[in-house]
Amino acid sequence: MINMNDTTTPKRLAVLVSGGGTNMQAVMDGIAGGEVDGEIVAVISSNAKAYALERARANKIPAHVCALKDYPTGEERDDAILKILQAARAEYVLLAGYLGILTDSLLNAYENRVLNIHPSLLPSFGGRGCHGLKVHEAALRRGVKVTGATAHFVSREVDAGPIVLQKAVPVLDGDTPETLQKRVMEQAEYVVFPEAVKLLCAGRLEIKDGKVRER
């Protein structure tokens, strides 16, 4: 049985990914450096060709593929993911560039224990379909002068869960979606996601009245 109040042992983390896994790598670096008191016990990808799987295997972390195309419904895919999480005794789930929409079965099992990183200052440029370069394209179309990244708990409404941390970065003249994406990743995502995971593993986050409070 998992003791969620135990802060004496590293927390068991599972990571859901779809691509290169650079945010996962930022967390792995935090663990290796002793800043994050956690252990990644499973990596699950929605994409069999995701480079994140190679990162996992290189670090001897069990790697799995649960692609939506392999299941009749999202619920059945998430049931398969849930079995992996339970077998790995994962305490928390990290969405590190995961493109799937989680269904109730998984969210119920890990209520307030799923953490996501989103490449904008939510609630701006969030919701269904807002991921990857699309977020930065939307920011440039709107003409905002500042954007950034948000670490937040996952709720049933996409990108609307309680916010843990945010970090802003400037939008510069001449930016393309690609240059803006790179700046947001390097200056915001790779900073706030490991920090949020650090606070999570240390038991320093609690949700009250729909907002995150640091203890």
N, C-alpha and C. Protein backbone atom coordinates (compact mmCIF):
# COMPACT_ATOMS: atom_id res chain seq x y z
N MET A 1 0.85 -1.20 0.00
CA MET A 1 0.00 0.00 0.00
C MET A 1 0.88 1.24 0.00
N ILE A 2 0.49 2.24 -0.77
CA ILE A 2 1.24 3.49 -0.85
C ILE A 2 0.84 4.40 0.30
N ASN A 3 1.83 4.89 1.03
CA ASN A 3 1.59 5.86 2.09
C ASN A 3 1.87 7.25 1.56
N MET A 4 0.81 8.00 1.25
CA MET A 4 0.99 9.31 0.62
C MET A 4 1.58 10.34 1.57
N ASN A 5 1.57 10.04 2.87
CA ASN A 5 2.13 10.98 3.85
C ASN A 5 3.59 10.71 4.16
N ASP A 6 4.13 9.66 3.57
CA ASP A 6 5.53 9.30 3.82
C ASP A 6 6.44 10.20 3.00
N THR A 7 7.21 11.05 3.69
CA THR A 7 8.14 11.94 3.00
C THR A 7 9.58 11.49 3.19
N THR A 8 9.78 10.26 3.69
CA THR A 8 11.13 9.79 3.98
C THR A 8 11.72 8.97 2.84
N THR A 9 10.90 8.54 1.90
CA THR A 9 11.40 7.76 0.79
C THR A 9 11.09 8.47 -0.52
N PRO A 10 11.91 8.25 -1.56
CA PRO A 10 11.64 8.90 -2.85
C PRO A 10 10.26 8.53 -3.38
N LYS A 11 9.57 9.51 -3.92
CA LYS A 11 8.25 9.26 -4.47
C LYS A 11 8.38 8.53 -5.80
N ARG A 12 7.45 7.63 -6.05
CA ARG A 12 7.45 6.81 -7.24
C ARG A 12 6.65 7.54 -8.33
N LEU A 13 7.33 7.89 -9.42
CA LEU A 13 6.76 8.72 -10.47
C LEU A 13 6.62 7.93 -11.77
N ALA A 14 5.50 8.11 -12.44
CA ALA A 14 5.33 7.60 -13.80
C ALA A 14 5.20 8.79 -14.72
N VAL A 15 5.77 8.69 -15.91
CA VAL A 15 5.76 9.79 -16.85
C VAL A 15 5.05 9.36 -18.13
N LEU A 16 4.09 10.18 -18.56
CA LEU A 16 3.39 9.96 -19.83
C LEU A 16 3.93 10.95 -20.85
N VAL A 17 4.30 10.43 -22.01
CA VAL A 17 4.97 11.24 -23.03
C VAL A 17 4.40 10.94 -24.41
N SER A 18 4.74 11.81 -25.37
CA SER A 18 4.37 11.56 -26.76
C SER A 18 5.50 11.86 -27.73
N GLY A 19 6.53 12.56 -27.26
CA GLY A 19 7.58 13.01 -28.17
C GLY A 19 8.98 12.79 -27.63
N GLY A 20 9.77 13.84 -27.70
CA GLY A 20 11.19 13.72 -27.38
C GLY A 20 11.51 13.52 -25.91
N GLY A 21 10.62 13.97 -25.04
CA GLY A 21 10.85 13.76 -23.62
C GLY A 21 11.83 14.72 -22.97
N THR A 22 11.93 15.95 -23.52
CA THR A 22 12.89 16.89 -22.92
C THR A 22 12.44 17.36 -21.55
N ASN A 23 11.14 17.51 -21.32
CA ASN A 23 10.68 17.86 -19.98
C ASN A 23 10.90 16.71 -19.01
N MET A 24 10.73 15.49 -19.48
CA MET A 24 11.05 14.33 -18.66
C MET A 24 12.53 14.34 -18.30
N GLN A 25 13.38 14.69 -19.27
CA GLN A 25 14.81 14.75 -19.02
C GLN A 25 15.14 15.80 -17.97
N ALA A 26 14.44 16.93 -17.99
CA ALA A 26 14.66 17.96 -16.98
C ALA A 26 14.36 17.42 -15.58
N VAL A 27 13.32 16.62 -15.46
CA VAL A 27 12.99 16.00 -14.18
C VAL A 27 14.05 14.96 -13.81
N MET A 28 14.45 14.17 -14.78
CA MET A 28 15.49 13.17 -14.53
C MET A 28 16.78 13.83 -14.05
N ASP A 29 17.12 14.96 -14.64
CA ASP A 29 18.32 15.69 -14.23
C ASP A 29 18.17 16.18 -12.79
N GLY A 30 16.95 16.64 -12.44
CA GLY A 30 16.70 17.08 -11.07
C GLY A 30 16.83 15.94 -10.07
N ILE A 31 16.38 14.75 -10.47
CA ILE A 31 16.52 13.58 -9.61
C ILE A 31 17.98 13.21 -9.46
N ALA A 32 18.70 13.18 -10.59
CA ALA A 32 20.13 12.81 -10.56
C ALA A 32 20.94 13.79 -9.73
N GLY A 33 20.54 15.06 -9.75
CA GLY A 33 21.26 16.08 -8.99
C GLY A 33 20.86 16.17 -7.54
N GLY A 34 19.91 15.33 -7.12
CA GLY A 34 19.49 15.33 -5.73
C GLY A 34 18.50 16.42 -5.37
N GLU A 35 18.00 17.14 -6.37
CA GLU A 35 17.06 18.23 -6.09
C GLU A 35 15.62 17.73 -6.00
N VAL A 36 15.32 16.66 -6.72
CA VAL A 36 13.98 16.09 -6.72
C VAL A 36 14.03 14.74 -6.02
N ASP A 37 13.26 14.59 -4.95
CA ASP A 37 13.28 13.35 -4.18
C ASP A 37 12.26 12.37 -4.76
N GLY A 38 12.57 11.94 -5.99
CA GLY A 38 11.66 11.03 -6.66
C GLY A 38 12.42 10.00 -7.47
N GLU A 39 11.66 9.01 -7.94
CA GLU A 39 12.21 7.95 -8.78
C GLU A 39 11.21 7.67 -9.90
N ILE A 40 11.66 7.71 -11.14
CA ILE A 40 10.77 7.39 -12.26
C ILE A 40 10.71 5.88 -12.41
N VAL A 41 9.52 5.33 -12.22
CA VAL A 41 9.38 3.87 -12.21
C VAL A 41 8.73 3.34 -13.48
N ALA A 42 8.20 4.24 -14.33
CA ALA A 42 7.60 3.81 -15.59
C ALA A 42 7.49 5.00 -16.52
N VAL A 43 7.72 4.75 -17.80
CA VAL A 43 7.49 5.75 -18.84
C VAL A 43 6.52 5.12 -19.83
N ILE A 44 5.44 5.86 -20.12
CA ILE A 44 4.39 5.36 -21.01
C ILE A 44 4.21 6.36 -22.13
N SER A 45 4.32 5.90 -23.36
CA SER A 45 4.23 6.79 -24.51
C SER A 45 3.00 6.48 -25.36
N SER A 46 2.41 7.54 -25.92
CA SER A 46 1.31 7.36 -26.86
C SER A 46 1.83 7.15 -28.28
N ASN A 47 3.16 7.19 -28.43
CA ASN A 47 3.80 7.12 -29.74
C ASN A 47 4.97 6.14 -29.67
N ALA A 48 4.89 5.08 -30.44
CA ALA A 48 5.93 4.04 -30.40
C ALA A 48 7.29 4.56 -30.86
N LYS A 49 7.31 5.66 -31.61
CA LYS A 49 8.56 6.20 -32.13
C LYS A 49 9.10 7.36 -31.30
N ALA A 50 8.48 7.65 -30.17
CA ALA A 50 8.90 8.77 -29.34
C ALA A 50 10.32 8.55 -28.82
N TYR A 51 11.16 9.58 -28.94
CA TYR A 51 12.53 9.47 -28.45
C TYR A 51 12.56 9.34 -26.93
N ALA A 52 11.51 9.78 -26.26
CA ALA A 52 11.44 9.64 -24.81
C ALA A 52 11.60 8.19 -24.38
N LEU A 53 11.14 7.26 -25.21
CA LEU A 53 11.30 5.84 -24.89
C LEU A 53 12.76 5.44 -24.84
N GLU A 54 13.57 6.01 -25.76
CA GLU A 54 15.00 5.74 -25.75
C GLU A 54 15.65 6.32 -24.50
N ARG A 55 15.21 7.51 -24.09
CA ARG A 55 15.74 8.09 -22.85
C ARG A 55 15.46 7.16 -21.67
N ALA A 56 14.25 6.62 -21.64
CA ALA A 56 13.89 5.72 -20.55
C ALA A 56 14.75 4.47 -20.56
N ARG A 57 14.87 3.85 -21.72
CA ARG A 57 15.64 2.61 -21.80
C ARG A 57 17.11 2.83 -21.47
N ALA A 58 17.64 3.98 -21.87
CA ALA A 58 19.04 4.29 -21.57
C ALA A 58 19.27 4.41 -20.07
N ASN A 59 18.21 4.73 -19.34
CA ASN A 59 18.31 4.87 -17.88
C ASN A 59 17.69 3.68 -17.15
N LYS A 60 17.46 2.60 -17.92
CA LYS A 60 16.94 1.35 -17.36
C LYS A 60 15.58 1.54 -16.66
N ILE A 61 14.77 2.41 -17.23
CA ILE A 61 13.42 2.64 -16.73
C ILE A 61 12.46 1.86 -17.62
N PRO A 62 11.55 1.09 -17.06
CA PRO A 62 10.59 0.35 -17.88
C PRO A 62 9.81 1.29 -18.80
N ALA A 63 9.78 0.95 -20.09
CA ALA A 63 9.14 1.80 -21.10
C ALA A 63 7.99 1.04 -21.75
N HIS A 64 6.88 1.72 -21.93
CA HIS A 64 5.67 1.09 -22.47
C HIS A 64 5.06 1.99 -23.55
N VAL A 65 4.31 1.37 -24.44
CA VAL A 65 3.57 2.12 -25.46
C VAL A 65 2.09 1.79 -25.33
N CYS A 66 1.28 2.85 -25.18
CA CYS A 66 -0.17 2.70 -25.16
C CYS A 66 -0.73 3.75 -26.12
N ALA A 67 -0.81 3.39 -27.37
CA ALA A 67 -1.29 4.31 -28.41
C ALA A 67 -2.80 4.16 -28.57
N LEU A 68 -3.47 5.29 -28.74
CA LEU A 68 -4.92 5.26 -28.85
C LEU A 68 -5.39 4.38 -30.00
N LYS A 69 -4.61 4.35 -31.09
CA LYS A 69 -5.01 3.55 -32.25
C LYS A 69 -5.05 2.06 -31.94
N ASP A 70 -4.42 1.65 -30.86
CA ASP A 70 -4.39 0.24 -30.50
C ASP A 70 -5.56 -0.18 -29.61
N TYR A 71 -6.43 0.78 -29.27
CA TYR A 71 -7.56 0.49 -28.39
C TYR A 71 -8.84 1.04 -29.00
N PRO A 72 -9.95 0.37 -28.79
CA PRO A 72 -11.21 0.85 -29.37
C PRO A 72 -11.64 2.21 -28.85
N THR A 73 -11.33 2.50 -27.56
CA THR A 73 -11.74 3.76 -26.96
C THR A 73 -10.64 4.32 -26.06
N GLY A 74 -10.76 5.59 -25.74
CA GLY A 74 -9.83 6.20 -24.80
C GLY A 74 -9.92 5.58 -23.42
N GLU A 75 -11.12 5.16 -23.05
CA GLU A 75 -11.30 4.53 -21.74
C GLU A 75 -10.51 3.23 -21.65
N GLU A 76 -10.53 2.44 -22.73
CA GLU A 76 -9.78 1.18 -22.72
C GLU A 76 -8.28 1.42 -22.73
N ARG A 77 -7.85 2.46 -23.45
CA ARG A 77 -6.43 2.82 -23.42
C ARG A 77 -6.02 3.21 -22.00
N ASP A 78 -6.83 4.03 -21.33
CA ASP A 78 -6.49 4.47 -20.00
C ASP A 78 -6.57 3.35 -18.98
N ASP A 79 -7.43 2.38 -19.21
CA ASP A 79 -7.46 1.20 -18.34
C ASP A 79 -6.13 0.44 -18.46
N ALA A 80 -5.60 0.36 -19.67
CA ALA A 80 -4.31 -0.30 -19.87
C ALA A 80 -3.19 0.50 -19.18
N ILE A 81 -3.24 1.82 -19.31
CA ILE A 81 -2.25 2.67 -18.63
C ILE A 81 -2.35 2.50 -17.13
N LEU A 82 -3.57 2.47 -16.63
CA LEU A 82 -3.79 2.34 -15.18
C LEU A 82 -3.20 1.04 -14.65
N LYS A 83 -3.32 -0.03 -15.41
CA LYS A 83 -2.74 -1.31 -14.97
C LYS A 83 -1.22 -1.21 -14.86
N ILE A 84 -0.60 -0.49 -15.80
CA ILE A 84 0.86 -0.29 -15.74
C ILE A 84 1.22 0.55 -14.51
N LEU A 85 0.47 1.61 -14.28
CA LEU A 85 0.73 2.48 -13.13
C LEU A 85 0.61 1.71 -11.82
N GLN A 86 -0.43 0.91 -11.72
CA GLN A 86 -0.64 0.15 -10.49
C GLN A 86 0.42 -0.92 -10.29
N ALA A 87 0.82 -1.57 -11.38
CA ALA A 87 1.88 -2.58 -11.28
C ALA A 87 3.19 -1.96 -10.87
N ALA A 88 3.44 -0.72 -11.31
CA ALA A 88 4.68 -0.01 -10.96
C ALA A 88 4.58 0.67 -9.60
N ARG A 89 3.41 0.61 -8.99
CA ARG A 89 3.14 1.28 -7.71
C ARG A 89 3.47 2.78 -7.79
N ALA A 90 3.08 3.37 -8.90
CA ALA A 90 3.32 4.80 -9.10
C ALA A 90 2.44 5.62 -8.16
N GLU A 91 3.05 6.61 -7.51
CA GLU A 91 2.31 7.48 -6.61
C GLU A 91 1.80 8.73 -7.32
N TYR A 92 2.58 9.21 -8.28
CA TYR A 92 2.20 10.40 -9.03
C TYR A 92 2.42 10.16 -10.52
N VAL A 93 1.65 10.89 -11.34
CA VAL A 93 1.77 10.78 -12.79
C VAL A 93 2.16 12.15 -13.33
N LEU A 94 3.19 12.18 -14.16
CA LEU A 94 3.66 13.42 -14.77
C LEU A 94 3.36 13.37 -16.26
N LEU A 95 2.69 14.40 -16.77
CA LEU A 95 2.45 14.52 -18.21
C LEU A 95 3.52 15.45 -18.77
N ALA A 96 4.46 14.87 -19.51
CA ALA A 96 5.60 15.63 -20.02
C ALA A 96 5.53 15.65 -21.55
N GLY A 97 4.65 16.51 -22.08
CA GLY A 97 4.45 16.53 -23.52
C GLY A 97 3.58 15.38 -23.98
N TYR A 98 2.57 15.06 -23.17
CA TYR A 98 1.66 13.96 -23.52
C TYR A 98 0.45 14.53 -24.24
N LEU A 99 0.12 13.99 -25.41
CA LEU A 99 -0.93 14.55 -26.24
C LEU A 99 -2.30 13.90 -26.05
N GLY A 100 -2.37 12.88 -25.22
CA GLY A 100 -3.66 12.24 -24.98
C GLY A 100 -4.50 13.02 -23.97
N ILE A 101 -5.82 12.83 -24.02
CA ILE A 101 -6.74 13.39 -23.05
C ILE A 101 -7.13 12.28 -22.08
N LEU A 102 -6.81 12.44 -20.81
CA LEU A 102 -7.07 11.39 -19.83
C LEU A 102 -8.57 11.28 -19.54
N THR A 103 -9.01 10.06 -19.35
CA THR A 103 -10.42 9.80 -19.07
C THR A 103 -10.64 9.63 -17.57
N ASP A 104 -11.92 9.52 -17.19
CA ASP A 104 -12.27 9.52 -15.78
C ASP A 104 -11.65 8.38 -14.99
N SER A 105 -11.49 7.22 -15.60
CA SER A 105 -10.98 6.08 -14.83
C SER A 105 -9.59 6.37 -14.27
N LEU A 106 -8.75 6.97 -15.09
CA LEU A 106 -7.39 7.28 -14.62
C LEU A 106 -7.40 8.48 -13.67
N LEU A 107 -8.19 9.51 -14.00
CA LEU A 107 -8.24 10.70 -13.15
C LEU A 107 -8.85 10.39 -11.79
N ASN A 108 -9.80 9.49 -11.75
CA ASN A 108 -10.39 9.11 -10.47
C ASN A 108 -9.37 8.37 -9.61
N ALA A 109 -8.60 7.50 -10.24
CA ALA A 109 -7.61 6.71 -9.51
C ALA A 109 -6.46 7.58 -9.00
N TYR A 110 -6.15 8.64 -9.73
CA TYR A 110 -5.02 9.52 -9.37
C TYR A 110 -5.49 10.97 -9.20
N GLU A 111 -6.59 11.12 -8.51
CA GLU A 111 -7.14 12.46 -8.31
C GLU A 111 -6.14 13.35 -7.58
N ASN A 112 -5.89 14.54 -8.15
CA ASN A 112 -4.94 15.51 -7.60
C ASN A 112 -3.51 14.96 -7.52
N ARG A 113 -3.24 13.95 -8.34
CA ARG A 113 -1.88 13.38 -8.37
C ARG A 113 -1.33 13.29 -9.78
N VAL A 114 -1.93 14.04 -10.71
CA VAL A 114 -1.44 14.09 -12.09
C VAL A 114 -1.01 15.53 -12.37
N LEU A 115 0.26 15.70 -12.72
CA LEU A 115 0.85 17.02 -12.94
C LEU A 115 1.21 17.18 -14.41
N ASN A 116 0.85 18.33 -14.98
CA ASN A 116 1.11 18.59 -16.40
C ASN A 116 1.94 19.86 -16.56
N ILE A 117 2.69 19.94 -17.67
CA ILE A 117 3.38 21.16 -18.05
C ILE A 117 2.78 21.64 -19.37
N HIS A 118 2.37 22.91 -19.39
CA HIS A 118 1.74 23.47 -20.58
C HIS A 118 2.52 24.70 -21.04
N PRO A 119 2.75 24.85 -22.36
CA PRO A 119 3.63 25.92 -22.85
C PRO A 119 2.94 27.27 -23.07
N SER A 120 2.18 27.71 -22.07
CA SER A 120 1.63 29.07 -22.09
C SER A 120 1.30 29.46 -20.65
N LEU A 121 0.97 30.72 -20.47
CA LEU A 121 0.53 31.18 -19.15
C LEU A 121 -0.99 30.96 -19.08
N LEU A 122 -1.37 29.79 -18.62
CA LEU A 122 -2.80 29.49 -18.51
C LEU A 122 -3.50 30.51 -17.61
N PRO A 123 -4.75 30.87 -17.94
CA PRO A 123 -5.66 30.20 -18.87
C PRO A 123 -5.51 30.60 -20.34
N SER A 124 -4.54 31.43 -20.67
CA SER A 124 -4.36 31.81 -22.08
C SER A 124 -3.84 30.63 -22.90
N PHE A 125 -4.38 30.46 -24.08
CA PHE A 125 -3.89 29.49 -25.06
C PHE A 125 -3.85 28.06 -24.52
N GLY A 126 -4.96 27.68 -23.91
CA GLY A 126 -5.10 26.32 -23.41
C GLY A 126 -6.36 25.68 -23.93
N GLY A 127 -6.61 24.45 -23.52
CA GLY A 127 -7.81 23.73 -23.92
C GLY A 127 -7.53 22.70 -25.01
N ARG A 128 -8.56 22.02 -25.43
CA ARG A 128 -8.41 20.96 -26.43
C ARG A 128 -7.81 21.51 -27.73
N GLY A 129 -6.86 20.79 -28.25
CA GLY A 129 -6.21 21.17 -29.50
C GLY A 129 -5.07 22.15 -29.34
N CYS A 130 -4.90 22.70 -28.14
CA CYS A 130 -3.80 23.65 -27.92
C CYS A 130 -2.60 22.91 -27.35
N HIS A 131 -1.71 22.51 -28.24
CA HIS A 131 -0.50 21.81 -27.81
C HIS A 131 0.60 22.08 -28.83
N GLY A 132 1.84 21.88 -28.39
CA GLY A 132 2.98 22.04 -29.28
C GLY A 132 3.04 23.40 -29.93
N LEU A 133 3.40 23.42 -31.21
CA LEU A 133 3.54 24.67 -31.93
C LEU A 133 2.23 25.45 -32.04
N LYS A 134 1.10 24.76 -31.96
CA LYS A 134 -0.19 25.45 -32.06
C LYS A 134 -0.34 26.51 -30.98
N VAL A 135 0.19 26.24 -29.80
CA VAL A 135 0.10 27.21 -28.70
C VAL A 135 0.87 28.48 -29.06
N HIS A 136 2.05 28.32 -29.60
CA HIS A 136 2.90 29.47 -29.92
C HIS A 136 2.38 30.21 -31.15
N GLU A 137 1.79 29.47 -32.08
CA GLU A 137 1.15 30.13 -33.23
C GLU A 137 0.02 31.02 -32.75
N ALA A 138 -0.76 30.53 -31.79
CA ALA A 138 -1.89 31.31 -31.26
C ALA A 138 -1.40 32.55 -30.52
N ALA A 139 -0.32 32.39 -29.77
CA ALA A 139 0.23 33.53 -29.03
C ALA A 139 0.72 34.62 -29.99
N LEU A 140 1.37 34.21 -31.06
CA LEU A 140 1.88 35.18 -32.03
C LEU A 140 0.73 35.84 -32.79
N ARG A 141 -0.31 35.08 -33.11
CA ARG A 141 -1.47 35.66 -33.78
C ARG A 141 -2.14 36.72 -32.90
N ARG A 142 -2.18 36.45 -31.62
CA ARG A 142 -2.83 37.38 -30.69
C ARG A 142 -1.97 38.61 -30.43
N GLY A 143 -0.67 38.48 -30.66
CA GLY A 143 0.21 39.62 -30.47
C GLY A 143 0.61 39.89 -29.03
N VAL A 144 0.57 38.86 -28.20
CA VAL A 144 0.96 39.06 -26.80
C VAL A 144 2.44 39.41 -26.71
N LYS A 145 2.80 40.13 -25.68
CA LYS A 145 4.20 40.54 -25.47
C LYS A 145 4.91 39.61 -24.50
N VAL A 146 4.13 38.83 -23.76
CA VAL A 146 4.69 37.90 -22.77
C VAL A 146 3.94 36.59 -22.87
N THR A 147 4.68 35.49 -22.81
CA THR A 147 4.08 34.17 -22.71
C THR A 147 4.86 33.39 -21.67
N GLY A 148 4.81 32.08 -21.69
CA GLY A 148 5.55 31.33 -20.68
C GLY A 148 5.10 29.90 -20.58
N ALA A 149 5.18 29.34 -19.38
CA ALA A 149 4.80 27.96 -19.14
C ALA A 149 4.10 27.84 -17.80
N THR A 150 3.24 26.83 -17.70
CA THR A 150 2.45 26.60 -16.49
C THR A 150 2.53 25.14 -16.09
N ALA A 151 2.87 24.88 -14.84
CA ALA A 151 2.76 23.54 -14.26
C ALA A 151 1.46 23.51 -13.47
N HIS A 152 0.62 22.53 -13.75
CA HIS A 152 -0.69 22.50 -13.09
C HIS A 152 -1.16 21.07 -12.88
N PHE A 153 -2.03 20.90 -11.91
CA PHE A 153 -2.67 19.61 -11.73
C PHE A 153 -3.73 19.42 -12.82
N VAL A 154 -3.93 18.18 -13.20
CA VAL A 154 -4.86 17.87 -14.28
C VAL A 154 -6.26 17.64 -13.72
N SER A 155 -7.22 18.29 -14.36
CA SER A 155 -8.63 18.12 -14.01
C SER A 155 -9.38 17.58 -15.22
N ARG A 156 -10.66 17.36 -15.06
CA ARG A 156 -11.45 16.83 -16.17
C ARG A 156 -11.62 17.84 -17.30
N GLU A 157 -11.54 19.12 -16.98
CA GLU A 157 -11.55 20.15 -18.02
C GLU A 157 -10.12 20.40 -18.46
N VAL A 158 -9.85 20.28 -19.75
CA VAL A 158 -8.48 20.34 -20.26
C VAL A 158 -7.81 21.69 -19.93
N ASP A 159 -6.62 21.60 -19.34
CA ASP A 159 -5.79 22.76 -19.01
C ASP A 159 -6.46 23.72 -18.03
N ALA A 160 -7.38 23.21 -17.23
CA ALA A 160 -8.10 24.09 -16.29
C ALA A 160 -7.86 23.71 -14.84
N GLY A 161 -6.96 22.76 -14.58
CA GLY A 161 -6.71 22.33 -13.22
C GLY A 161 -5.92 23.37 -12.42
N PRO A 162 -5.86 23.19 -11.10
CA PRO A 162 -5.17 24.14 -10.22
C PRO A 162 -3.71 24.36 -10.63
N ILE A 163 -3.33 25.63 -10.67
CA ILE A 163 -1.98 26.01 -11.11
C ILE A 163 -0.99 25.89 -9.95
N VAL A 164 0.14 25.26 -10.22
CA VAL A 164 1.20 25.11 -9.23
C VAL A 164 2.23 26.23 -9.38
N LEU A 165 2.80 26.35 -10.58
CA LEU A 165 3.83 27.36 -10.84
C LEU A 165 3.68 27.89 -12.27
N GLN A 166 4.09 29.14 -12.46
CA GLN A 166 4.18 29.72 -13.79
C GLN A 166 5.46 30.53 -13.91
N LYS A 167 5.96 30.62 -15.14
CA LYS A 167 7.12 31.46 -15.41
C LYS A 167 6.93 32.13 -16.76
N ALA A 168 7.15 33.44 -16.80
CA ALA A 168 6.94 34.22 -18.01
C ALA A 168 8.24 34.38 -18.78
N VAL A 169 8.11 34.47 -20.10
CA VAL A 169 9.23 34.80 -20.98
C VAL A 169 8.73 35.81 -22.00
N PRO A 170 9.62 36.66 -22.53
CA PRO A 170 9.18 37.67 -23.49
C PRO A 170 8.95 37.09 -24.88
N VAL A 171 8.02 37.72 -25.58
CA VAL A 171 7.86 37.46 -27.01
C VAL A 171 8.61 38.56 -27.74
N LEU A 172 9.52 38.19 -28.63
CA LEU A 172 10.40 39.15 -29.27
C LEU A 172 9.96 39.44 -30.70
N ASP A 173 10.30 40.64 -31.15
CA ASP A 173 10.03 40.98 -32.55
C ASP A 173 10.73 39.97 -33.46
N GLY A 174 10.03 39.53 -34.46
CA GLY A 174 10.61 38.57 -35.40
C GLY A 174 10.49 37.13 -34.97
N ASP A 175 9.87 36.87 -33.83
CA ASP A 175 9.70 35.48 -33.38
C ASP A 175 8.86 34.69 -34.37
N THR A 176 9.24 33.44 -34.54
CA THR A 176 8.43 32.45 -35.24
C THR A 176 7.89 31.48 -34.19
N PRO A 177 6.92 30.67 -34.53
CA PRO A 177 6.48 29.66 -33.55
C PRO A 177 7.63 28.79 -33.06
N GLU A 178 8.58 28.50 -33.93
CA GLU A 178 9.70 27.65 -33.55
C GLU A 178 10.65 28.35 -32.58
N THR A 179 10.99 29.62 -32.85
CA THR A 179 11.90 30.31 -31.93
C THR A 179 11.24 30.57 -30.59
N LEU A 180 9.94 30.86 -30.62
CA LEU A 180 9.22 31.09 -29.36
C LEU A 180 9.11 29.80 -28.57
N GLN A 181 8.84 28.71 -29.26
CA GLN A 181 8.77 27.42 -28.58
C GLN A 181 10.08 27.10 -27.87
N LYS A 182 11.20 27.32 -28.55
CA LYS A 182 12.51 27.03 -27.98
C LYS A 182 12.76 27.87 -26.74
N ARG A 183 12.40 29.17 -26.80
CA ARG A 183 12.63 30.05 -25.64
C ARG A 183 11.75 29.64 -24.46
N VAL A 184 10.49 29.32 -24.75
CA VAL A 184 9.60 28.90 -23.67
C VAL A 184 10.09 27.61 -23.02
N MET A 185 10.54 26.68 -23.84
CA MET A 185 11.07 25.43 -23.28
C MET A 185 12.26 25.70 -22.38
N GLU A 186 13.26 26.39 -22.91
CA GLU A 186 14.53 26.54 -22.21
C GLU A 186 14.42 27.46 -21.00
N GLN A 187 13.62 28.53 -21.11
CA GLN A 187 13.58 29.51 -20.04
C GLN A 187 12.43 29.30 -19.05
N ALA A 188 11.43 28.52 -19.45
CA ALA A 188 10.28 28.35 -18.56
C ALA A 188 9.96 26.89 -18.25
N GLU A 189 9.70 26.08 -19.27
CA GLU A 189 9.28 24.70 -19.01
C GLU A 189 10.31 23.92 -18.21
N TYR A 190 11.57 24.01 -18.63
CA TYR A 190 12.61 23.22 -17.97
C TYR A 190 12.94 23.75 -16.58
N VAL A 191 12.35 24.88 -16.22
CA VAL A 191 12.54 25.45 -14.89
C VAL A 191 11.36 25.08 -13.98
N VAL A 192 10.14 25.38 -14.44
CA VAL A 192 9.00 25.22 -13.54
C VAL A 192 8.57 23.76 -13.37
N PHE A 193 8.76 22.93 -14.39
CA PHE A 193 8.30 21.54 -14.24
C PHE A 193 9.10 20.79 -13.19
N PRO A 194 10.44 20.78 -13.25
CA PRO A 194 11.18 20.10 -12.19
C PRO A 194 10.93 20.70 -10.81
N GLU A 195 10.75 22.02 -10.75
CA GLU A 195 10.48 22.66 -9.46
C GLU A 195 9.13 22.22 -8.91
N ALA A 196 8.12 22.13 -9.78
CA ALA A 196 6.81 21.67 -9.34
C ALA A 196 6.88 20.21 -8.88
N VAL A 197 7.62 19.38 -9.61
CA VAL A 197 7.78 17.97 -9.21
C VAL A 197 8.52 17.89 -7.87
N LYS A 198 9.50 18.75 -7.69
CA LYS A 198 10.23 18.80 -6.41
C LYS A 198 9.28 19.08 -5.25
N LEU A 199 8.43 20.08 -5.41
CA LEU A 199 7.47 20.43 -4.35
C LEU A 199 6.48 19.29 -4.13
N LEU A 200 6.06 18.65 -5.21
CA LEU A 200 5.12 17.53 -5.12
C LEU A 200 5.73 16.39 -4.33
N CYS A 201 6.96 16.03 -4.67
CA CYS A 201 7.62 14.91 -4.00
C CYS A 201 7.92 15.21 -2.54
N ALA A 202 8.11 16.47 -2.22
CA ALA A 202 8.40 16.87 -0.85
C ALA A 202 7.14 17.01 -0.01
N GLY A 203 5.97 16.78 -0.61
CA GLY A 203 4.72 16.89 0.13
C GLY A 203 4.36 18.30 0.51
N ARG A 204 4.79 19.25 -0.31
CA ARG A 204 4.60 20.66 0.04
C ARG A 204 3.45 21.32 -0.70
N LEU A 205 2.68 20.54 -1.45
CA LEU A 205 1.56 21.11 -2.19
C LEU A 205 0.24 20.57 -1.67
N GLU A 206 -0.72 21.47 -1.51
CA GLU A 206 -2.07 21.04 -1.18
C GLU A 206 -3.06 21.90 -1.95
N ILE A 207 -4.20 21.31 -2.26
CA ILE A 207 -5.23 22.00 -3.01
C ILE A 207 -6.37 22.34 -2.06
N LYS A 208 -6.72 23.62 -2.03
CA LYS A 208 -7.81 24.09 -1.19
C LYS A 208 -8.64 25.09 -1.97
N ASP A 209 -9.93 24.86 -2.03
CA ASP A 209 -10.85 25.74 -2.76
C ASP A 209 -10.42 25.91 -4.22
N GLY A 210 -9.91 24.82 -4.81
CA GLY A 210 -9.55 24.83 -6.22
C GLY A 210 -8.24 25.51 -6.53
N LYS A 211 -7.49 25.89 -5.50
CA LYS A 211 -6.20 26.55 -5.70
C LYS A 211 -5.10 25.79 -4.98
N VAL A 212 -3.88 25.89 -5.52
CA VAL A 212 -2.74 25.21 -4.91
C VAL A 212 -2.08 26.13 -3.90
N ARG A 213 -1.82 25.57 -2.74
CA ARG A 213 -1.12 26.30 -1.69
C ARG A 213 0.15 25.54 -1.34
N GLU A 214 1.26 26.26 -1.21
CA GLU A 214 2.53 25.63 -0.83
C GLU A 214 2.66 25.63 0.68
N ARG A 215 2.96 24.45 1.21
CA ARG A 215 3.09 24.32 2.67
C ARG A 215 4.52 24.54 3.10
